[in-house]
Protein backbone atom coordinates (compact mmCIF):
# COMPACT_ATOMS: atom_id res chain seq x y z
CA UNK A 1 0.03 -0.03 0.08
CA UNK A 2 2.81 2.34 0.86
CA UNK A 3 4.53 1.76 -2.57
CA UNK A 4 1.23 2.49 -4.37
CA UNK A 5 0.59 5.50 -2.46
CA UNK A 6 3.92 7.19 -2.97
CA UNK A 7 3.66 6.17 -6.74
CA UNK A 8 -0.01 7.79 -6.94
CA UNK A 9 1.11 10.78 -5.16
CA UNK A 10 4.10 11.42 -7.34
CA UNK A 11 2.06 11.16 -10.53
CA UNK A 12 -0.70 13.24 -9.15
CA UNK A 13 1.69 15.88 -8.45
CA UNK A 14 3.07 15.84 -11.94
CA UNK A 15 -0.44 15.81 -13.55
CA UNK A 16 -1.19 19.06 -11.40
CA UNK A 17 2.18 20.56 -12.43
CA UNK A 18 1.26 20.02 -16.07
CA UNK A 19 -2.07 21.58 -15.79
CA UNK A 20 -0.40 24.41 -13.88
CA UNK A 21 2.25 24.79 -16.57
CA UNK A 22 -0.28 24.99 -19.36
CA UNK A 23 -2.29 27.43 -17.54
CA UNK A 24 0.68 29.73 -16.69
CA UNK A 25 1.21 29.99 -20.52
CA UNK A 26 -2.28 31.53 -21.01
CA UNK A 27 -2.00 33.56 -17.64
CA UNK A 28 1.10 35.42 -18.63
CA UNK A 29 0.35 35.64 -22.54
CA UNK A 30 -3.33 36.94 -21.69
CA UNK A 31 -5.26 34.28 -23.40
CA UNK A 32 -7.59 31.32 -23.08
CA UNK A 33 -7.70 31.30 -19.22
CA UNK A 34 -10.23 32.97 -17.00
CA UNK A 35 -7.58 35.16 -15.02
CA UNK A 36 -4.83 36.92 -16.41
CA UNK A 37 -1.60 38.92 -15.48
CA UNK A 38 -2.74 42.17 -17.43
CA UNK A 39 -6.10 43.94 -17.48
CA UNK A 40 -7.84 47.05 -15.91
CA UNK A 41 -7.16 47.74 -12.31
CA UNK A 42 -9.87 45.93 -10.05
CA UNK A 43 -8.72 47.55 -6.62
CA UNK A 44 -6.94 50.44 -5.21
CA UNK A 45 -3.31 50.48 -6.55
CA UNK A 46 -1.50 50.35 -3.23
CA UNK A 47 -3.61 47.52 -2.19
CA UNK A 48 -3.01 45.65 -5.63
CA UNK A 49 0.72 46.23 -5.46
CA UNK A 50 0.90 44.84 -1.95
CA UNK A 51 -1.25 41.87 -2.82
CA UNK A 52 0.92 40.98 -5.95
CA UNK A 53 4.10 41.56 -4.33
CA UNK A 54 3.35 39.15 -1.39
CA UNK A 55 2.28 36.60 -4.12
CA UNK A 56 5.51 36.81 -5.66
CA UNK A 57 7.34 36.71 -2.61
CA UNK A 58 5.64 33.73 -1.26
CA UNK A 59 6.27 31.83 -4.59
CA UNK A 60 10.10 33.02 -4.28
CA UNK A 61 10.44 31.85 -0.64
CA UNK A 62 8.67 28.44 -1.25
CA UNK A 63 10.95 27.77 -4.25
CA UNK A 64 14.08 28.88 -2.45
CA UNK A 65 13.65 27.34 1.05
CA UNK A 66 12.43 24.07 -0.06
CA UNK A 67 15.22 23.75 -2.60
CA UNK A 68 17.83 23.96 0.27
CA UNK A 69 19.64 20.88 1.44
CA UNK A 70 18.92 21.56 5.08
CA UNK A 71 15.18 21.86 4.49
CA UNK A 72 15.20 18.68 2.42
CA UNK A 73 16.75 16.86 5.42
CA UNK A 74 14.16 18.27 7.80
CA UNK A 75 11.33 17.33 5.56
CA UNK A 76 12.45 13.73 4.96
CA UNK A 77 12.17 13.13 8.68
CA UNK A 78 8.42 13.40 8.30
CA UNK A 79 7.73 12.03 4.80
CA UNK A 80 9.45 9.24 2.79
CA UNK A 81 12.67 10.43 0.95
CA UNK A 82 11.16 9.10 -2.44
CA UNK A 83 8.21 11.53 -2.18
CA UNK A 84 10.45 14.68 -1.25
CA UNK A 85 10.69 16.03 -4.84
CA UNK A 86 6.77 15.36 -5.50
CA UNK A 87 6.14 17.27 -2.16
CA UNK A 88 8.29 20.15 -3.49
CA UNK A 89 6.46 19.98 -6.91
CA UNK A 90 3.05 19.93 -5.25
CA UNK A 91 3.91 23.10 -3.02
CA UNK A 92 5.04 24.88 -6.24
CA UNK A 93 1.81 24.06 -7.76
CA UNK A 94 -0.20 25.42 -4.89
CA UNK A 95 1.80 28.67 -4.79
CA UNK A 96 1.30 29.42 -8.44
CA UNK A 97 -2.47 28.31 -8.12
CA UNK A 98 -2.74 31.05 -5.26
CA UNK A 99 -0.93 33.47 -7.54
CA UNK A 100 -3.38 32.85 -10.45
CA UNK A 101 -6.46 33.13 -8.19
CA UNK A 102 -5.50 36.13 -6.11
CA UNK A 103 -3.46 38.16 -8.57
CA UNK A 104 -4.78 41.68 -9.16
CA UNK A 105 -4.43 43.61 -12.38
CA UNK A 106 -3.05 47.22 -11.84
CA UNK A 107 -4.08 48.88 -15.32
CA UNK A 108 -1.47 51.32 -16.83
CA UNK A 109 0.72 50.85 -19.84
CA UNK A 110 4.43 50.67 -19.95
CA UNK A 111 4.63 49.92 -23.70
CA UNK A 112 2.32 48.74 -26.44
CA UNK A 113 4.01 47.63 -29.65
CA UNK A 114 1.94 47.86 -32.69
CA UNK A 115 4.41 47.54 -35.42
CA UNK A 116 3.37 44.56 -37.52
CA UNK A 117 6.82 43.06 -37.74
CA UNK A 118 7.86 43.50 -34.29
CA UNK A 119 4.54 42.04 -32.75
CA UNK A 120 5.07 38.59 -34.15
CA UNK A 121 8.77 38.72 -33.10
CA UNK A 122 7.87 39.32 -29.74
CA UNK A 123 5.15 36.60 -29.60
CA UNK A 124 7.85 34.26 -31.21
CA UNK A 125 10.22 35.03 -28.30
CA UNK A 126 7.61 34.43 -25.77
CA UNK A 127 6.85 30.86 -27.40
CA UNK A 128 10.62 30.23 -27.75
CA UNK A 129 10.94 31.02 -24.01
CA UNK A 130 8.37 28.42 -23.16
CA UNK A 131 10.13 25.87 -25.63
CA UNK A 132 13.37 26.49 -24.00
CA UNK A 133 12.01 26.07 -20.38
CA UNK A 134 10.36 22.73 -21.48
CA UNK A 135 13.15 21.42 -23.47
CA UNK A 136 15.79 22.15 -20.83
CA UNK A 137 13.98 20.04 -18.22
CA UNK A 138 14.48 17.11 -20.48
CA UNK A 139 18.16 17.87 -20.98
CA UNK A 140 18.53 17.50 -17.40
CA UNK A 141 16.18 14.78 -16.89
CA UNK A 142 12.47 15.69 -16.95
CA UNK A 143 11.36 12.93 -14.74
CA UNK A 144 13.94 13.30 -12.09
CA UNK A 145 13.46 16.99 -11.81
CA UNK A 146 9.66 16.44 -11.30
CA UNK A 147 9.85 13.52 -8.97
CA UNK A 148 8.69 10.67 -11.23
CA UNK A 149 11.95 8.83 -11.32
CA UNK A 150 12.02 8.82 -7.43
CA UNK A 151 8.68 7.44 -6.97
CA UNK A 152 9.00 4.81 -9.88
CA UNK A 153 12.31 3.56 -8.38
CA UNK A 154 10.97 3.08 -4.95
CA UNK A 155 7.68 1.32 -6.46
CA UNK A 156 10.06 -1.09 -8.39
CA UNK A 157 11.97 -1.69 -4.98
CA UNK A 158 15.17 -0.04 -6.24
CA UNK A 159 17.31 2.63 -4.45
CA UNK A 160 17.50 6.15 -5.95
CA UNK A 161 20.68 6.74 -7.58
CA UNK A 162 22.20 10.31 -8.61
CA UNK A 163 22.20 10.94 -12.25
CA UNK A 164 25.68 11.08 -13.97
CA UNK A 165 27.12 14.51 -13.98
CA UNK A 166 26.70 16.07 -17.65
CA UNK A 167 26.70 19.39 -19.29
CA UNK A 168 24.38 19.03 -22.44
CA UNK A 169 24.25 21.43 -25.38
CA UNK A 170 23.12 24.99 -24.03
CA UNK A 171 24.76 24.31 -20.71
CA UNK A 172 28.16 24.80 -22.57
CA UNK A 173 26.93 28.36 -23.62
CA UNK A 174 25.36 29.49 -20.28
CA UNK A 175 25.12 27.98 -16.88
CA UNK A 176 21.47 28.50 -16.56
CA UNK A 177 19.66 28.07 -19.81
CA UNK A 178 16.39 27.13 -17.87
CA UNK A 179 16.38 30.62 -16.37
CA UNK A 180 17.22 32.27 -19.73
CA UNK A 181 13.93 30.65 -21.02
CA UNK A 182 11.97 31.97 -18.01
CA UNK A 183 13.23 35.27 -18.55
CA UNK A 184 12.19 35.41 -22.15
CA UNK A 185 8.80 34.45 -20.94
CA UNK A 186 8.56 37.16 -18.43
CA UNK A 187 9.74 40.00 -20.60
CA UNK A 188 8.86 39.25 -24.37
CA UNK A 189 5.41 40.84 -24.72
CA UNK A 190 4.07 43.35 -27.15
CA UNK A 191 1.90 44.99 -24.37
CA UNK A 192 3.55 45.63 -21.05
CA UNK A 193 1.05 46.70 -18.35
CA UNK A 194 2.04 47.87 -14.89
CA UNK A 195 1.14 44.41 -13.52
CA UNK A 196 3.41 42.59 -16.07
CA UNK A 197 6.14 44.86 -15.24
CA UNK A 198 5.79 44.06 -11.51
CA UNK A 199 5.56 40.38 -12.21
CA UNK A 200 8.70 40.45 -14.64
CA UNK A 201 10.69 42.53 -12.28
CA UNK A 202 9.81 40.30 -9.26
CA UNK A 203 10.45 37.11 -10.83
CA UNK A 204 13.72 38.34 -12.21
CA UNK A 205 14.86 39.39 -8.87
CA UNK A 206 13.96 35.96 -7.47
CA UNK A 207 15.85 34.38 -10.33
CA UNK A 208 18.98 36.29 -9.70
CA UNK A 209 18.85 35.64 -5.89
CA UNK A 210 18.00 31.98 -6.41
CA UNK A 211 21.13 31.50 -8.72
CA UNK A 212 23.43 32.84 -5.93
CA UNK A 213 22.14 30.16 -3.40
CA UNK A 214 21.82 27.39 -6.12
CA UNK A 215 25.43 27.85 -7.16
CA UNK A 216 26.68 28.00 -3.52
CA UNK A 217 25.09 24.60 -3.13
CA UNK A 218 26.53 23.20 -6.47
CA UNK A 219 30.07 24.42 -5.50
CA UNK A 220 29.95 22.56 -2.36
CA UNK A 221 28.26 19.48 -3.65
CA UNK A 222 30.04 18.92 -6.97
CA UNK A 223 33.73 18.67 -7.77
CA UNK A 224 34.51 20.72 -10.81
CA UNK A 225 31.64 23.30 -10.64
CA UNK A 226 33.69 26.03 -9.47
CA UNK A 227 35.93 25.96 -12.52
CA UNK A 228 32.71 25.54 -14.55
CA UNK A 229 31.38 28.59 -13.17
CA UNK A 230 34.53 30.60 -14.13
CA UNK A 231 34.63 29.54 -17.47
CA UNK A 232 30.97 29.66 -18.52
CA UNK A 233 28.71 32.87 -18.38
CA UNK A 234 25.65 32.87 -16.19
CA UNK A 235 23.02 33.96 -18.33
CA UNK A 236 24.32 35.81 -21.42
CA UNK A 237 26.49 33.60 -23.73
CA UNK A 238 29.83 34.85 -25.07
CA UNK A 239 29.77 36.07 -28.64
CA UNK A 240 32.72 33.59 -29.38
CA UNK A 241 30.28 30.69 -28.43
CA UNK A 242 30.78 27.70 -26.12
CA UNK A 243 33.61 27.77 -23.55
CA UNK A 244 36.44 25.44 -23.91
CA UNK A 245 35.84 23.37 -20.99
CA UNK A 246 38.27 20.65 -19.83
CA UNK A 247 36.88 17.14 -19.65
CA UNK A 248 36.91 17.21 -15.77
CA UNK A 249 34.34 20.15 -15.88
CA UNK A 250 32.28 18.53 -18.34
CA UNK A 251 32.08 15.01 -16.57
CA UNK A 252 31.18 16.84 -13.23
CA UNK A 253 28.12 18.83 -14.48
CA UNK A 254 24.79 18.12 -13.03
CA UNK A 255 21.76 20.40 -12.71
CA UNK A 256 19.48 20.52 -9.62
CA UNK A 257 17.16 23.35 -10.60
CA UNK A 258 14.37 24.06 -8.29
CA UNK A 259 12.13 26.34 -10.83
CA UNK A 260 9.32 25.35 -12.86
CA UNK A 261 9.77 25.67 -13.55
């Protein structure tokens, strides 16, 4: 019964994630979903800014705190180790669902691009950002990242093993291509409202802070990461292309991203 419960919990968390992921595409883009990032103001400005800021802060704290090794050790005193990642995914889903539900548009307009050549370009960047986010999860093992591998191995009665350290494709250009995809999603829009700007600035700030803590853990946990960090830029690739990494650095690269992410 325990094996089945953990397995079903892991798959349920993943199913919720997938629905939330699709909803977020429409929420940020402003189409096909009942609540949207942009729109006319529905409450006093100061109140709306405070609510939206708290929602962003809650999401950032949940992601950052639950990603730390100390919190994981504490959490697994109360839940099975194999379910830890699925619990993280579920908590992330709930934080985003709360944001979708309680988000308050602010009205106002920062920019509104109407050029017939620029508009499809911006929407193309928006779509490419989502494709980058989704594709990158598969480069770093999508099923391990979202907890499915962990619950499946426990169901089969096999111990969890760390994945081999790799540095696939875009990780030779920048250290965080997943975050590059998110930044394109947040900023590539032909219509930037005040609420969209608040969201983009808040999420960008979260990403920059998260990178500091994430890389601190990676340097401590993975031999060769410090050298990799010196050689490969964080978010903006060098014009000359991929860094010339020694084989030692390439063989000790593992991603342990905690966004949806």
